[in-house]
Amino acid sequence: MSILAYLIPISLILGGIGLMAFIWTIDSDQYDDPQGNASRILKPDFDDHPRS
């Protein structure tokens, strides 16, 4: 039972870090153009073999 005294705060800290990272991605406009990204694969100049 005493292990819960360690695991609960660790899980809350990790969850808070994940939430802050998600909020940062929203604030830095990571999800601006999902429709353009979805239709980019349908263009004829799509290159599925990138340069190495």
PDB file of N, CA and C in Angstrom:
ATOM      1  N   MET A   1       0.806  -1.199   0.000  1.00  0.00           N
ATOM      2  CA  MET A   1       0.000   0.000   0.000  1.00  0.00           C
ATOM      3  C   MET A   1       0.852   1.268   0.000  1.00  0.00           C
ATOM      4  N   SER A   2       2.037   1.186   0.582  1.00  0.00           N
ATOM      5  CA  SER A   2       2.863   2.387   0.649  1.00  0.00           C
ATOM      6  C   SER A   2       3.420   2.773  -0.722  1.00  0.00           C
ATOM      7  N   ILE A   3       3.426   1.822  -1.676  1.00  0.00           N
ATOM      8  CA  ILE A   3       3.895   2.139  -3.014  1.00  0.00           C
ATOM      9  C   ILE A   3       2.964   3.141  -3.692  1.00  0.00           C
ATOM     10  N   LEU A   4       1.698   3.150  -3.308  1.00  0.00           N
ATOM     11  CA  LEU A   4       0.748   4.106  -3.884  1.00  0.00           C
ATOM     12  C   LEU A   4       1.113   5.539  -3.534  1.00  0.00           C
ATOM     13  N   ALA A   5       1.785   5.718  -2.402  1.00  0.00           N
ATOM     14  CA  ALA A   5       2.216   7.063  -2.022  1.00  0.00           C
ATOM     15  C   ALA A   5       3.244   7.604  -3.009  1.00  0.00           C
ATOM     16  N   TYR A   6       3.932   6.729  -3.727  1.00  0.00           N
ATOM     17  CA  TYR A   6       4.890   7.156  -4.750  1.00  0.00           C
ATOM     18  C   TYR A   6       4.260   7.193  -6.132  1.00  0.00           C
ATOM     19  N   LEU A   7       3.442   6.202  -6.434  1.00  0.00           N
ATOM     20  CA  LEU A   7       2.911   6.079  -7.789  1.00  0.00           C
ATOM     21  C   LEU A   7       1.871   7.136  -8.131  1.00  0.00           C
ATOM     22  N   ILE A   8       1.041   7.507  -7.194  1.00  0.00           N
ATOM     23  CA  ILE A   8      -0.001   8.499  -7.479  1.00  0.00           C
ATOM     24  C   ILE A   8       0.600   9.871  -7.801  1.00  0.00           C
ATOM     25  N   PRO A   9       1.524  10.408  -7.019  1.00  0.00           N
ATOM     26  CA  PRO A   9       2.117  11.698  -7.407  1.00  0.00           C
ATOM     27  C   PRO A   9       2.913  11.631  -8.707  1.00  0.00           C
ATOM     28  N   ILE A  10       3.600  10.515  -8.947  1.00  0.00           N
ATOM     29  CA  ILE A  10       4.346  10.378 -10.201  1.00  0.00           C
ATOM     30  C   ILE A  10       3.396  10.377 -11.386  1.00  0.00           C
ATOM     31  N   SER A  11       2.284   9.672 -11.284  1.00  0.00           N
ATOM     32  CA  SER A  11       1.334   9.643 -12.397  1.00  0.00           C
ATOM     33  C   SER A  11       0.678  11.004 -12.607  1.00  0.00           C
ATOM     34  N   LEU A  12       0.415  11.726 -11.531  1.00  0.00           N
ATOM     35  CA  LEU A  12      -0.152  13.066 -11.687  1.00  0.00           C
ATOM     36  C   LEU A  12       0.847  14.022 -12.335  1.00  0.00           C
ATOM     37  N   ILE A  13       2.115  13.908 -11.983  1.00  0.00           N
ATOM     38  CA  ILE A  13       3.143  14.767 -12.587  1.00  0.00           C
ATOM     39  C   ILE A  13       3.290  14.443 -14.071  1.00  0.00           C
ATOM     40  N   LEU A  14       3.346  13.151 -14.417  1.00  0.00           N
ATOM     41  CA  LEU A  14       3.468  12.773 -15.827  1.00  0.00           C
ATOM     42  C   LEU A  14       2.232  13.180 -16.632  1.00  0.00           C
ATOM     43  N   GLY A  15       1.065  13.060 -16.044  1.00  0.00           N
ATOM     44  CA  GLY A  15      -0.155  13.505 -16.720  1.00  0.00           C
ATOM     45  C   GLY A  15      -0.157  15.007 -16.934  1.00  0.00           C
ATOM     46  N   GLY A  16       0.336  15.754 -15.949  1.00  0.00           N
ATOM     47  CA  GLY A  16       0.432  17.210 -16.095  1.00  0.00           C
ATOM     48  C   GLY A  16       1.414  17.615 -17.177  1.00  0.00           C
ATOM     49  N   ILE A  17       2.531  16.888 -17.265  1.00  0.00           N
ATOM     50  CA  ILE A  17       3.506  17.166 -18.321  1.00  0.00           C
ATOM     51  C   ILE A  17       2.894  16.893 -19.696  1.00  0.00           C
ATOM     52  N   GLY A  18       2.155  15.798 -19.810  1.00  0.00           N
ATOM     53  CA  GLY A  18       1.490  15.496 -21.080  1.00  0.00           C
ATOM     54  C   GLY A  18       0.448  16.532 -21.450  1.00  0.00           C
ATOM     55  N   LEU A  19      -0.294  17.000 -20.464  1.00  0.00           N
ATOM     56  CA  LEU A  19      -1.297  18.036 -20.716  1.00  0.00           C
ATOM     57  C   LEU A  19      -0.638  19.341 -21.140  1.00  0.00           C
ATOM     58  N   MET A  20       0.457  19.705 -20.486  1.00  0.00           N
ATOM     59  CA  MET A  20       1.169  20.935 -20.871  1.00  0.00           C
ATOM     60  C   MET A  20       1.748  20.819 -22.272  1.00  0.00           C
ATOM     61  N   ALA A  21       2.244  19.635 -22.646  1.00  0.00           N
ATOM     62  CA  ALA A  21       2.768  19.443 -23.999  1.00  0.00           C
ATOM     63  C   ALA A  21       1.647  19.558 -25.030  1.00  0.00           C
ATOM     64  N   PHE A  22       0.473  19.017 -24.726  1.00  0.00           N
ATOM     65  CA  PHE A  22      -0.657  19.120 -25.641  1.00  0.00           C
ATOM     66  C   PHE A  22      -1.109  20.566 -25.803  1.00  0.00           C
ATOM     67  N   ILE A  23      -1.179  21.298 -24.708  1.00  0.00           N
ATOM     68  CA  ILE A  23      -1.566  22.707 -24.775  1.00  0.00           C
ATOM     69  C   ILE A  23      -0.527  23.506 -25.553  1.00  0.00           C
ATOM     70  N   TRP A  24       0.745  23.178 -25.388  1.00  0.00           N
ATOM     71  CA  TRP A  24       1.797  23.875 -26.136  1.00  0.00           C
ATOM     72  C   TRP A  24       1.648  23.632 -27.639  1.00  0.00           C
ATOM     73  N   THR A  25       1.296  22.392 -28.046  1.00  0.00           N
ATOM     74  CA  THR A  25       1.127  22.129 -29.472  1.00  0.00           C
ATOM     75  C   THR A  25      -0.056  22.901 -30.040  1.00  0.00           C
ATOM     76  N   ILE A  26      -1.093  23.078 -29.257  1.00  0.00           N
ATOM     77  CA  ILE A  26      -2.240  23.862 -29.723  1.00  0.00           C
ATOM     78  C   ILE A  26      -1.854  25.333 -29.841  1.00  0.00           C
ATOM     79  N   ASP A  27      -1.129  25.860 -28.850  1.00  0.00           N
ATOM     80  CA  ASP A  27      -0.732  27.268 -28.871  1.00  0.00           C
ATOM     81  C   ASP A  27       0.272  27.569 -29.974  1.00  0.00           C
ATOM     82  N   SER A  28       1.090  26.592 -30.368  1.00  0.00           N
ATOM     83  CA  SER A  28       2.094  26.844 -31.397  1.00  0.00           C
ATOM     84  C   SER A  28       1.585  26.480 -32.791  1.00  0.00           C
ATOM     85  N   ASP A  29       0.266  26.353 -32.940  1.00  0.00           N
ATOM     86  CA  ASP A  29      -0.399  26.138 -34.238  1.00  0.00           C
ATOM     87  C   ASP A  29       0.091  24.886 -34.961  1.00  0.00           C
ATOM     88  N   GLN A  30       0.191  23.784 -34.252  1.00  0.00           N
ATOM     89  CA  GLN A  30       0.602  22.530 -34.863  1.00  0.00           C
ATOM     90  C   GLN A  30      -0.523  21.902 -35.686  1.00  0.00           C
ATOM     91  N   TYR A  31      -1.757  22.284 -35.424  1.00  0.00           N
ATOM     92  CA  TYR A  31      -2.909  21.653 -36.073  1.00  0.00           C
ATOM     93  C   TYR A  31      -3.645  22.642 -36.977  1.00  0.00           C
ATOM     94  N   ASP A  32      -2.912  23.474 -37.681  1.00  0.00           N
ATOM     95  CA  ASP A  32      -3.536  24.527 -38.470  1.00  0.00           C
ATOM     96  C   ASP A  32      -4.215  24.032 -39.739  1.00  0.00           C
ATOM     97  N   ASP A  33      -3.578  23.148 -40.485  1.00  0.00           N
ATOM     98  CA  ASP A  33      -4.084  22.798 -41.806  1.00  0.00           C
ATOM     99  C   ASP A  33      -4.251  21.286 -41.965  1.00  0.00           C
ATOM    100  N   PRO A  34      -5.167  20.677 -41.221  1.00  0.00           N
ATOM    101  CA  PRO A  34      -5.313  19.224 -41.374  1.00  0.00           C
ATOM    102  C   PRO A  34      -5.925  18.830 -42.716  1.00  0.00           C
ATOM    103  N   GLN A  35      -6.736  19.680 -43.302  1.00  0.00           N
ATOM    104  CA  GLN A  35      -7.351  19.351 -44.583  1.00  0.00           C
ATOM    105  C   GLN A  35      -6.308  19.379 -45.701  1.00  0.00           C
ATOM    106  N   GLY A  36      -5.384  20.323 -45.642  1.00  0.00           N
ATOM    107  CA  GLY A  36      -4.323  20.370 -46.652  1.00  0.00           C
ATOM    108  C   GLY A  36      -3.406  19.179 -46.557  1.00  0.00           C
ATOM    109  N   ASN A  37      -3.096  18.754 -45.351  1.00  0.00           N
ATOM    110  CA  ASN A  37      -2.246  17.581 -45.183  1.00  0.00           C
ATOM    111  C   ASN A  37      -2.950  16.322 -45.659  1.00  0.00           C
ATOM    112  N   ALA A  38      -4.237  16.236 -45.467  1.00  0.00           N
ATOM    113  CA  ALA A  38      -4.976  15.050 -45.887  1.00  0.00           C
ATOM    114  C   ALA A  38      -5.071  14.967 -47.403  1.00  0.00           C
ATOM    115  N   SER A  39      -5.171  16.083 -48.089  1.00  0.00           N
ATOM    116  CA  SER A  39      -5.312  16.038 -49.538  1.00  0.00           C
ATOM    117  C   SER A  39      -3.971  16.067 -50.259  1.00  0.00           C
ATOM    118  N   ARG A  40      -2.882  16.295 -49.553  1.00  0.00           N
ATOM    119  CA  ARG A  40      -1.561  16.349 -50.192  1.00  0.00           C
ATOM    120  C   ARG A  40      -1.178  15.001 -50.783  1.00  0.00           C
ATOM    121  N   ILE A  41      -1.603  13.910 -50.179  1.00  0.00           N
ATOM    122  CA  ILE A  41      -1.242  12.583 -50.687  1.00  0.00           C
ATOM    123  C   ILE A  41      -1.961  12.284 -52.002  1.00  0.00           C
ATOM    124  N   LEU A  42      -3.054  12.973 -52.291  1.00  0.00           N
ATOM    125  CA  LEU A  42      -3.806  12.719 -53.510  1.00  0.00           C
ATOM    126  C   LEU A  42      -3.251  13.456 -54.721  1.00  0.00           C
ATOM    127  N   LYS A  43      -2.328  14.374 -54.525  1.00  0.00           N
ATOM    128  CA  LYS A  43      -1.753  15.121 -55.647  1.00  0.00           C
ATOM    129  C   LYS A  43      -0.826  14.212 -56.453  1.00  0.00           C
ATOM    130  N   PRO A  44      -0.738  14.437 -57.755  1.00  0.00           N
ATOM    131  CA  PRO A  44       0.098  13.564 -58.590  1.00  0.00           C
ATOM    132  C   PRO A  44       1.595  13.727 -58.315  1.00  0.00           C
ATOM    133  N   ASP A  45       2.014  14.841 -57.760  1.00  0.00           N
ATOM    134  CA  ASP A  45       3.446  15.021 -57.505  1.00  0.00           C
ATOM    135  C   ASP A  45       3.865  14.506 -56.129  1.00  0.00           C
ATOM    136  N   PHE A  46       3.019  13.684 -55.482  1.00  0.00           N
ATOM    137  CA  PHE A  46       3.361  13.096 -54.188  1.00  0.00           C
ATOM    138  C   PHE A  46       4.492  12.089 -54.380  1.00  0.00           C
ATOM    139  N   ASP A  47       5.534  12.223 -53.582  1.00  0.00           N
ATOM    140  CA  ASP A  47       6.698  11.350 -53.676  1.00  0.00           C
ATOM    141  C   ASP A  47       6.715  10.421 -52.479  1.00  0.00           C
ATOM    142  N   ASP A  48       6.413   9.144 -52.715  1.00  0.00           N
ATOM    143  CA  ASP A  48       6.419   8.209 -51.596  1.00  0.00           C
ATOM    144  C   ASP A  48       7.780   7.579 -51.353  1.00  0.00           C
ATOM    145  N   HIS A  49       8.758   7.971 -52.128  1.00  0.00           N
ATOM    146  CA  HIS A  49      10.129   7.512 -51.923  1.00  0.00           C
ATOM    147  C   HIS A  49      11.017   8.737 -51.681  1.00  0.00           C
ATOM    148  N   PRO A  50      11.123   9.196 -50.452  1.00  0.00           N
ATOM    149  CA  PRO A  50      11.927  10.394 -50.185  1.00  0.00           C
ATOM    150  C   PRO A  50      13.418  10.132 -50.430  1.00  0.00           C
ATOM    151  N   ARG A  51      14.125  11.218 -50.668  1.00  0.00           N
ATOM    152  CA  ARG A  51      15.573  11.102 -50.887  1.00  0.00           C
ATOM    153  C   ARG A  51      16.260  10.608 -49.629  1.00  0.00           C
ATOM    154  N   SER A  52      17.310   9.823 -49.802  1.00  0.00           N
ATOM    155  CA  SER A  52      18.026   9.342 -48.615  1.00  0.00           C
ATOM    156  C   SER A  52      19.247  10.159 -48.294  1.00  0.00           C
TER     157      SER A  52
END
